Amino acid sequence: DSGSTSTNAVILDNKCNIVAGTTVLTGAKVSASAQRALDQALCQVGMDRSEIRHLVTTGYGRGRTGLKADVLTEITCHARGAQFLDEHVRTVIDIGGQDSKVIQLDDAGNLTDFLMNDKCAAGTGRFLEVISRTLGASVAQLDSITEGVEPHAITSMCTVFAESEVVSLIAQNKETDDIVHGLNKAVASKTAALAKRVGGEERYMMTGGVSKNKGLVKTLEEKLGTTLVISDKAQLCGALGAALFAMDMVQK
């Protein structure tokens, strides 16, 4: 799964057990990160590439990995991976580095509808990365929200304008936690609105690296009025779906 920020690889055995899973930074060269992610996964199980029976690539850079593979969209693969992780999931929310997407599934786990925010970085992992850098914090630190924190509203979801707002709040000596809470509320509101537009329904699952942001997850749960399913394989969901499709192709 070649994303704009990270590249993930999953290897399944012939019983659909996950035997390896890796995440590396994508960097400037998509093909190099794809090769590195696959090699690290192979190393985890002591395998050679010749032992891989079938390979499927997905994600932002799926067609530029340099690997001999079938290619599928990340929408299809995230839906399949989420359904495998929890068969009761009906709505999948993925906040990626470049885009945000909400995917709707039917009772059989089939993709029925989706919406993507792919016109700008607003509300994406890149948005969070830029703002966290402005705050002098890592993206991982954005989840350190405590009870009773009063959020400072971030009125603009344009990355450039939101960054200017944050700079202004910093100049006013506002607390970092207060600013972060406001940031989480802004992203959660935008994501919840996207879910509403696609007709999202319970049970909800959040996938991707941003699902590790506990503060954002909590705020999004409040906006949706439900609890999000967060799997320990959340960041590998797209790659997992790709591997499951690869298994289908082998069995056919």
Protein backbone atom coordinates (compact mmCIF):
# COMPACT_ATOMS: atom_id res chain seq x y z
CA ASP A 1 0.00 0.00 0.00
CA SER A 2 1.97 2.96 -1.34
CA GLY A 3 0.67 6.08 0.41
CA SER A 4 1.86 9.67 0.12
CA THR A 5 3.28 9.57 3.66
CA SER A 6 3.90 5.91 4.47
CA THR A 7 4.17 2.65 2.56
CA ASN A 8 2.84 -0.56 4.12
CA ALA A 9 3.31 -4.21 3.23
CA VAL A 10 1.43 -7.29 4.45
CA ILE A 11 2.17 -10.97 3.80
CA LEU A 12 -0.52 -13.62 4.29
CA ASP A 13 0.01 -17.36 4.53
CA ASN A 14 -2.26 -19.80 2.67
CA LYS A 15 -4.77 -19.69 5.55
CA CYS A 16 -5.08 -15.87 5.42
CA ASN A 17 -3.08 -15.38 8.61
CA ILE A 18 -1.02 -12.18 8.72
CA VAL A 19 2.56 -13.42 9.03
CA ALA A 20 4.31 -10.10 8.35
CA GLY A 21 3.43 -6.41 8.34
CA THR A 22 5.70 -3.40 7.88
CA THR A 23 5.44 0.40 7.60
CA VAL A 24 8.13 2.66 6.14
CA LEU A 25 8.19 6.33 5.18
CA THR A 26 7.42 6.82 1.50
CA GLY A 27 9.90 9.63 0.94
CA ALA A 28 10.72 11.12 -2.44
CA LYS A 29 10.87 7.87 -4.43
CA VAL A 30 7.79 5.65 -4.43
CA SER A 31 9.51 2.62 -5.95
CA ALA A 32 12.33 2.64 -3.38
CA SER A 33 9.93 2.73 -0.41
CA ALA A 34 7.78 -0.02 -1.95
CA GLN A 35 10.83 -2.25 -2.42
CA ARG A 36 11.98 -1.48 1.12
CA ALA A 37 8.59 -2.25 2.70
CA LEU A 38 8.33 -5.56 0.85
CA ASP A 39 11.91 -6.55 1.69
CA GLN A 40 11.37 -5.80 5.38
CA ALA A 41 8.18 -7.89 5.39
CA LEU A 42 10.01 -10.76 3.71
CA CYS A 43 12.81 -10.46 6.26
CA GLN A 44 10.30 -10.82 9.12
CA VAL A 45 9.40 -14.32 7.94
CA GLY A 46 12.74 -15.31 6.38
CA MET A 47 11.37 -15.53 2.85
CA ASP A 48 12.69 -14.73 -0.60
CA ARG A 49 10.67 -12.76 -3.17
CA SER A 50 10.45 -15.85 -5.37
CA GLU A 51 8.30 -17.46 -2.67
CA ILE A 52 5.56 -14.82 -2.99
CA ARG A 53 2.78 -16.43 -5.03
CA HIS A 54 0.97 -13.22 -5.97
CA LEU A 55 1.36 -9.50 -5.35
CA VAL A 56 -1.20 -6.66 -5.43
CA THR A 57 -0.33 -2.97 -5.04
CA THR A 58 -2.69 -0.21 -3.93
CA GLY A 59 -2.58 3.35 -2.64
CA TYR A 60 -1.48 6.70 -3.99
CA GLY A 61 1.63 5.33 -5.72
CA ARG A 62 0.24 1.90 -6.64
CA GLY A 63 1.20 2.20 -10.32
CA ARG A 64 4.75 3.40 -9.68
CA THR A 65 6.15 0.78 -7.30
CA GLY A 66 8.31 -0.92 -9.91
CA LEU A 67 6.97 -4.27 -8.71
CA LYS A 68 5.37 -6.86 -10.96
CA ALA A 69 1.89 -6.84 -9.51
CA ASP A 70 -1.82 -6.39 -10.08
CA VAL A 71 -3.09 -2.91 -9.19
CA LEU A 72 -6.26 -2.04 -7.22
CA THR A 73 -7.60 1.22 -5.76
CA GLU A 74 -7.15 2.02 -2.08
CA ILE A 75 -10.92 2.41 -1.69
CA THR A 76 -11.47 -1.22 -2.68
CA CYS A 77 -8.59 -2.49 -0.57
CA HIS A 78 -9.48 -0.50 2.57
CA ALA A 79 -13.04 -1.82 2.36
CA ARG A 80 -11.83 -5.40 2.06
CA GLY A 81 -9.25 -5.04 4.83
CA ALA A 82 -11.74 -3.44 7.22
CA GLN A 83 -14.35 -6.14 6.60
CA PHE A 84 -11.71 -8.80 7.33
CA LEU A 85 -10.71 -7.12 10.60
CA ASP A 86 -14.33 -6.70 11.76
CA GLU A 87 -17.20 -8.20 9.74
CA HIS A 88 -19.73 -5.94 11.49
CA VAL A 89 -18.17 -2.70 10.21
CA ARG A 90 -20.43 -0.71 7.87
CA THR A 91 -18.52 2.57 7.56
CA VAL A 92 -14.75 2.97 7.18
CA ILE A 93 -13.07 6.32 7.86
CA ASP A 94 -9.52 6.74 6.60
CA ILE A 95 -7.56 9.97 7.08
CA GLY A 96 -4.51 9.57 4.87
CA GLY A 97 -1.53 11.78 4.22
CA GLN A 98 -3.03 13.29 1.07
CA ASP A 99 -6.78 12.69 1.33
CA SER A 100 -9.61 11.71 3.63
CA LYS A 101 -12.19 9.12 2.64
CA VAL A 102 -15.34 7.57 4.04
CA ILE A 103 -16.37 4.17 2.67
CA GLN A 104 -19.75 2.51 3.09
CA LEU A 105 -20.20 -1.28 3.16
CA ASP A 106 -23.30 -3.47 2.97
CA ASP A 107 -24.09 -6.40 5.26
CA ALA A 108 -21.97 -8.70 3.11
CA GLY A 109 -18.97 -6.37 3.32
CA ASN A 110 -19.30 -5.16 -0.27
CA LEU A 111 -18.40 -1.57 -1.15
CA THR A 112 -21.61 0.39 -1.82
CA ASP A 113 -20.51 4.04 -1.77
CA PHE A 114 -17.64 6.34 -0.83
CA LEU A 115 -16.61 9.99 -0.68
CA MET A 116 -13.13 11.47 -0.84
CA ASN A 117 -11.75 14.83 0.12
CA ASP A 118 -8.88 14.95 -2.38
CA LYS A 119 -8.86 18.57 -3.61
CA CYS A 120 -6.56 19.95 -0.91
CA ALA A 121 -4.74 18.92 2.26
CA ALA A 122 -7.53 20.15 4.55
CA GLY A 123 -8.24 17.68 7.35
CA THR A 124 -5.66 15.15 6.19
CA GLY A 125 -2.55 13.65 7.77
CA ARG A 126 -0.49 16.27 5.92
CA PHE A 127 -2.62 19.01 7.49
CA LEU A 128 -1.91 17.59 10.96
CA GLU A 129 1.79 17.23 10.13
CA VAL A 130 2.11 20.88 9.03
CA ILE A 131 0.26 22.24 12.06
CA SER A 132 2.16 20.02 14.51
CA ARG A 133 5.42 21.31 13.05
CA THR A 134 4.20 24.87 13.61
CA LEU A 135 3.47 23.96 17.24
CA GLY A 136 6.91 22.39 17.60
CA ALA A 137 5.38 18.99 18.32
CA SER A 138 5.26 15.62 16.58
CA VAL A 139 2.02 14.26 15.11
CA ALA A 140 2.12 11.58 17.83
CA GLN A 141 2.03 14.31 20.50
CA LEU A 142 -1.28 15.63 19.15
CA ASP A 143 -3.17 12.94 21.08
CA SER A 144 -2.03 14.19 24.50
CA ILE A 145 -5.33 15.86 25.34
CA THR A 146 -6.47 15.97 28.95
CA GLU A 147 -9.95 16.38 30.35
CA GLY A 148 -11.03 19.97 30.93
CA VAL A 149 -8.95 21.48 28.12
CA GLU A 150 -10.72 24.45 26.53
CA PRO A 151 -10.35 24.31 22.73
CA HIS A 152 -9.36 27.36 20.70
CA ALA A 153 -11.43 27.30 17.53
CA ILE A 154 -9.55 26.87 14.26
CA THR A 155 -11.90 28.58 11.82
CA SER A 156 -10.06 27.78 8.57
CA MET A 157 -9.49 24.26 7.24
CA CYS A 158 -7.14 25.49 4.52
CA THR A 159 -3.69 24.33 5.63
CA VAL A 160 -2.04 27.66 4.85
CA PHE A 161 -4.67 29.79 6.62
CA ALA A 162 -4.97 27.38 9.56
CA GLU A 163 -1.22 27.54 10.04
CA SER A 164 -1.47 31.35 10.16
CA GLU A 165 -4.21 31.06 12.80
CA VAL A 166 -2.04 28.78 14.91
CA VAL A 167 0.93 31.16 14.62
CA SER A 168 -1.35 33.97 15.84
CA LEU A 169 -2.57 31.88 18.80
CA ILE A 170 1.02 31.04 19.72
CA ALA A 171 1.85 34.75 19.65
CA GLN A 172 -1.04 35.30 22.10
CA ASN A 173 0.61 32.79 24.49
CA LYS A 174 -2.28 30.34 24.21
CA GLU A 175 -1.63 26.89 25.68
CA THR A 176 -0.50 24.26 23.17
CA ASP A 177 -3.05 21.72 24.47
CA ASP A 178 -5.86 24.23 23.90
CA ILE A 179 -4.72 24.83 20.32
CA VAL A 180 -4.37 21.11 19.64
CA HIS A 181 -7.86 20.44 20.98
CA GLY A 182 -9.21 23.09 18.62
CA LEU A 183 -7.31 21.49 15.76
CA ASN A 184 -8.75 18.06 16.57
CA LYS A 185 -12.27 19.52 16.72
CA ALA A 186 -11.81 21.14 13.29
CA VAL A 187 -10.60 17.91 11.65
CA ALA A 188 -13.28 15.82 13.41
CA SER A 189 -16.05 18.19 12.28
CA LYS A 190 -14.90 18.01 8.65
CA THR A 191 -14.60 14.21 8.78
CA ALA A 192 -17.99 13.74 10.46
CA ALA A 193 -19.60 15.94 7.78
CA LEU A 194 -18.03 13.74 5.09
CA ALA A 195 -19.42 10.65 6.85
CA LYS A 196 -22.89 12.21 7.00
CA ARG A 197 -22.81 13.02 3.27
CA VAL A 198 -22.04 9.41 2.35
CA GLY A 199 -24.79 8.16 4.68
CA GLY A 200 -22.40 6.49 7.07
CA GLU A 201 -23.88 4.18 9.68
CA GLU A 202 -22.69 2.10 12.60
CA ARG A 203 -20.47 0.21 13.06
CA TYR A 204 -17.64 2.66 12.27
CA MET A 205 -13.98 1.76 11.86
CA MET A 206 -11.11 4.22 11.53
CA THR A 207 -8.06 3.11 9.57
CA GLY A 208 -4.68 4.64 8.72
CA GLY A 209 -1.93 6.15 10.84
CA VAL A 210 -4.09 9.05 12.11
CA SER A 211 -6.20 6.50 14.00
CA LYS A 212 -3.34 6.49 16.55
CA ASN A 213 -4.23 10.09 17.47
CA LYS A 214 -6.33 9.40 20.58
CA GLY A 215 -7.42 13.02 20.95
CA LEU A 216 -8.78 13.16 17.41
CA VAL A 217 -10.45 9.75 17.73
CA LYS A 218 -12.22 10.83 20.93
CA THR A 219 -13.39 14.10 19.36
CA LEU A 220 -14.61 12.32 16.22
CA GLU A 221 -16.52 9.81 18.35
CA GLU A 222 -18.27 12.73 20.05
CA LYS A 223 -19.20 14.22 16.68
CA LEU A 224 -20.55 10.90 15.37
CA GLY A 225 -22.20 9.89 18.65
CA THR A 226 -20.66 6.43 18.59
CA THR A 227 -17.51 4.48 19.36
CA LEU A 228 -14.98 3.92 16.58
CA VAL A 229 -13.43 0.49 16.06
CA ILE A 230 -9.64 0.93 16.10
CA SER A 231 -7.74 -2.23 15.18
CA ASP A 232 -4.10 -2.75 16.06
CA LYS A 233 -3.75 -3.38 12.30
CA ALA A 234 -5.39 -0.04 11.40
CA GLN A 235 -2.37 1.35 9.55
CA LEU A 236 -1.98 -1.88 7.57
CA CYS A 237 -5.64 -2.05 6.49
CA GLY A 238 -5.08 -1.08 2.83
CA ALA A 239 -2.15 -3.46 2.42
CA LEU A 240 -4.16 -6.20 4.15
CA GLY A 241 -7.02 -5.72 1.68
CA ALA A 242 -4.56 -5.90 -1.22
CA ALA A 243 -3.12 -9.14 0.17
CA LEU A 244 -6.60 -10.63 0.52
CA PHE A 245 -7.34 -9.84 -3.14
CA ALA A 246 -4.00 -11.41 -4.04
CA MET A 247 -5.13 -14.54 -2.19
CA ASP A 248 -8.37 -14.57 -4.23
CA MET A 249 -6.35 -14.45 -7.43
CA VAL A 250 -4.17 -17.34 -6.32
CA GLN A 251 -7.19 -19.47 -5.43
CA LYS A 252 -8.83 -18.77 -8.78
